[in-house]
Amino acid sequence: MFKLFKKKPREYSKIENHIFGIITELLKVGSTDINCDELGGKYYLSNEEQHFKVTILGHDNVIRLTNTRDSVAEKYDKIFVEDVLKAVKEEKHRRMEVVYDSITNSIEKMAERLHNTLIESNSVVDSNEQENQIVRRLETKHIKNKKVNY
């Protein structure tokens, strides 16, 4: 009875499968740049090493594939383009998390070094103050023991 409500997995055409595979392989390569204009619904993938670019126009459901010799733009099914955009956004988010974690770790290490430096400088200042106090005590003791002639 509940099988009627179960959503069937989306099956792509042969071309859609091929394009989705190309895009996911590009996303796996770290040298692929991901740029986006979320308000305009435009997403750009660029891999200069492989001379390959992908432009996804989310509002128009158009995907353009470009290499050194050819450029092909086609309009695709809205659900397919949404799935492609979802993969691109997930990879962009994952990369941002990696950068965020790296920056956070750097800041934490810097704060720890600063803290240790402050502790060391405070201990040096404390020892200098103790030495100064000892010198002052010695000076005052020496003066008290001297008799002054009038």
Protein backbone atom coordinates (compact mmCIF):
# COMPACT_ATOMS: atom_id res chain seq x y z
CA MET A 1 0.00 0.00 0.00
CA PHE A 2 2.78 2.44 0.86
CA LYS A 3 4.69 1.64 -2.32
CA LEU A 4 2.47 4.12 -4.12
CA PHE A 5 3.96 6.97 -2.09
CA LYS A 6 7.57 5.85 -2.37
CA LYS A 7 9.53 8.12 -4.67
CA LYS A 8 11.25 6.36 -7.54
CA PRO A 9 14.89 7.24 -8.09
CA ARG A 10 15.41 9.59 -11.00
CA GLU A 11 16.79 7.93 -14.11
CA TYR A 12 18.80 10.12 -16.45
CA SER A 13 19.15 9.75 -20.19
CA LYS A 14 22.44 8.49 -21.61
CA ILE A 15 23.59 12.04 -22.40
CA GLU A 16 22.56 13.32 -18.96
CA ASN A 17 24.49 10.47 -17.30
CA HIS A 18 27.54 11.32 -19.38
CA ILE A 19 27.37 15.03 -18.55
CA PHE A 20 26.75 14.34 -14.87
CA GLY A 21 29.80 12.06 -14.90
CA ILE A 22 31.97 14.73 -16.54
CA ILE A 23 30.89 17.34 -14.00
CA THR A 24 31.40 15.07 -10.98
CA GLU A 25 34.87 14.09 -12.25
CA LEU A 26 35.74 17.78 -12.66
CA LEU A 27 34.53 18.43 -9.12
CA LYS A 28 36.79 15.67 -7.76
CA VAL A 29 39.88 17.38 -9.18
CA GLY A 30 41.25 19.91 -6.72
CA SER A 31 42.52 22.19 -9.47
CA THR A 32 38.99 22.81 -10.75
CA ASP A 33 37.83 26.31 -9.84
CA ILE A 34 34.22 26.78 -8.75
CA ASN A 35 32.72 30.25 -9.13
CA CYS A 36 29.12 31.24 -8.78
CA ASP A 37 26.66 34.04 -9.11
CA GLU A 38 23.87 32.71 -6.92
CA LEU A 39 21.55 35.63 -7.55
CA GLY A 40 21.88 35.14 -11.30
CA GLY A 41 21.77 31.36 -10.92
CA LYS A 42 25.05 30.96 -12.81
CA TYR A 43 27.74 28.48 -11.82
CA TYR A 44 31.12 28.15 -13.46
CA LEU A 45 33.56 25.24 -13.30
CA SER A 46 36.96 25.78 -14.84
CA ASN A 47 39.96 23.48 -15.10
CA GLU A 48 42.82 25.17 -16.91
CA GLU A 49 45.01 22.04 -16.81
CA GLN A 50 42.45 20.06 -18.79
CA HIS A 51 41.31 23.10 -20.82
CA PHE A 52 37.72 22.42 -19.84
CA LYS A 53 34.95 24.74 -18.67
CA VAL A 54 31.36 24.18 -17.63
CA THR A 55 28.77 26.92 -17.30
CA ILE A 56 25.48 26.08 -15.61
CA LEU A 57 22.62 28.54 -16.00
CA GLY A 58 20.28 27.39 -13.26
CA HIS A 59 17.35 29.67 -14.09
CA ASP A 60 17.34 28.65 -17.76
CA ASN A 61 18.26 24.96 -17.15
CA VAL A 62 21.13 25.27 -19.63
CA ILE A 63 24.53 23.61 -19.31
CA ARG A 64 27.43 24.69 -21.54
CA LEU A 65 30.49 22.48 -21.92
CA THR A 66 33.58 24.08 -23.45
CA ASN A 67 37.00 22.70 -24.33
CA THR A 68 39.73 24.02 -26.61
CA ARG A 69 37.95 22.92 -29.81
CA ASP A 70 34.23 22.85 -29.07
CA SER A 71 31.50 24.52 -27.09
CA VAL A 72 28.09 22.92 -26.66
CA ALA A 73 25.12 24.38 -24.80
CA GLU A 74 21.92 22.44 -24.27
CA LYS A 75 18.75 22.92 -22.31
CA TYR A 76 18.05 20.03 -19.93
CA ASP A 77 15.32 18.82 -17.65
CA LYS A 78 14.87 21.03 -14.58
CA ILE A 79 15.33 18.14 -12.14
CA PHE A 80 18.58 17.09 -13.83
CA VAL A 81 19.99 20.63 -13.65
CA GLU A 82 18.93 20.88 -9.99
CA ASP A 83 20.78 17.62 -9.26
CA VAL A 84 23.90 18.94 -11.02
CA LEU A 85 23.67 22.21 -9.09
CA LYS A 86 23.25 20.27 -5.84
CA ALA A 87 26.50 18.38 -6.54
CA VAL A 88 28.32 21.63 -7.38
CA LYS A 89 27.02 23.38 -4.25
CA GLU A 90 27.97 20.43 -2.03
CA GLU A 91 31.53 20.42 -3.39
CA LYS A 92 31.81 24.19 -3.02
CA HIS A 93 30.56 23.92 0.56
CA ARG A 94 33.00 21.08 1.30
CA ARG A 95 35.91 23.14 -0.03
CA MET A 96 34.82 26.13 2.03
CA GLU A 97 34.75 23.92 5.16
CA VAL A 98 38.30 22.75 4.44
CA VAL A 99 39.48 26.35 4.13
CA TYR A 100 37.51 27.37 7.22
CA ASP A 101 39.00 24.51 9.26
CA SER A 102 42.49 25.42 8.07
CA ILE A 103 42.03 29.08 9.02
CA THR A 104 40.53 28.11 12.39
CA ASN A 105 43.48 25.82 13.15
CA SER A 106 45.95 28.55 12.19
CA ILE A 107 44.21 31.06 14.44
CA GLU A 108 44.15 28.58 17.34
CA LYS A 109 47.88 27.87 16.96
CA MET A 110 48.64 31.59 16.75
CA ALA A 111 46.58 32.25 19.89
CA GLU A 112 48.38 29.46 21.73
CA ARG A 113 51.80 30.84 20.73
CA LEU A 114 50.74 34.32 21.82
CA HIS A 115 49.49 32.96 25.14
CA ASN A 116 52.77 31.11 25.73
CA THR A 117 54.77 34.22 24.81
CA LEU A 118 52.75 36.31 27.25
CA ILE A 119 53.28 33.77 30.02
CA GLU A 120 57.02 33.74 29.34
CA SER A 121 57.25 37.53 29.23
CA ASN A 122 55.25 37.80 32.47
CA SER A 123 57.61 35.38 34.19
CA VAL A 124 60.61 37.41 32.94
CA VAL A 125 58.98 40.63 34.15
CA ASP A 126 58.22 39.01 37.53
CA SER A 127 61.82 37.84 37.93
CA ASN A 128 63.09 41.32 36.94
CA GLU A 129 60.76 42.91 39.50
CA GLN A 130 62.00 40.50 42.19
CA GLU A 131 65.61 41.35 41.34
CA ASN A 132 64.81 45.08 41.50
CA GLN A 133 63.14 44.64 44.89
CA ILE A 134 66.18 42.78 46.23
CA VAL A 135 68.47 45.57 44.98
CA ARG A 136 66.21 48.21 46.60
CA ARG A 137 66.22 46.31 49.91
CA LEU A 138 69.98 46.06 49.85
CA GLU A 139 70.28 49.78 49.11
CA THR A 140 67.90 50.73 51.91
CA LYS A 141 69.66 48.43 54.41
CA HIS A 142 72.99 49.94 53.51
CA ILE A 143 71.70 53.47 54.03
CA LYS A 144 70.09 52.63 57.42
CA ASN A 145 73.35 51.28 58.78
CA LYS A 146 75.31 54.40 57.86
CA LYS A 147 75.61 57.07 60.44
CA VAL A 148 75.36 60.57 59.29
CA ASN A 149 77.65 63.20 60.80
CA TYR A 150 76.14 66.64 61.42
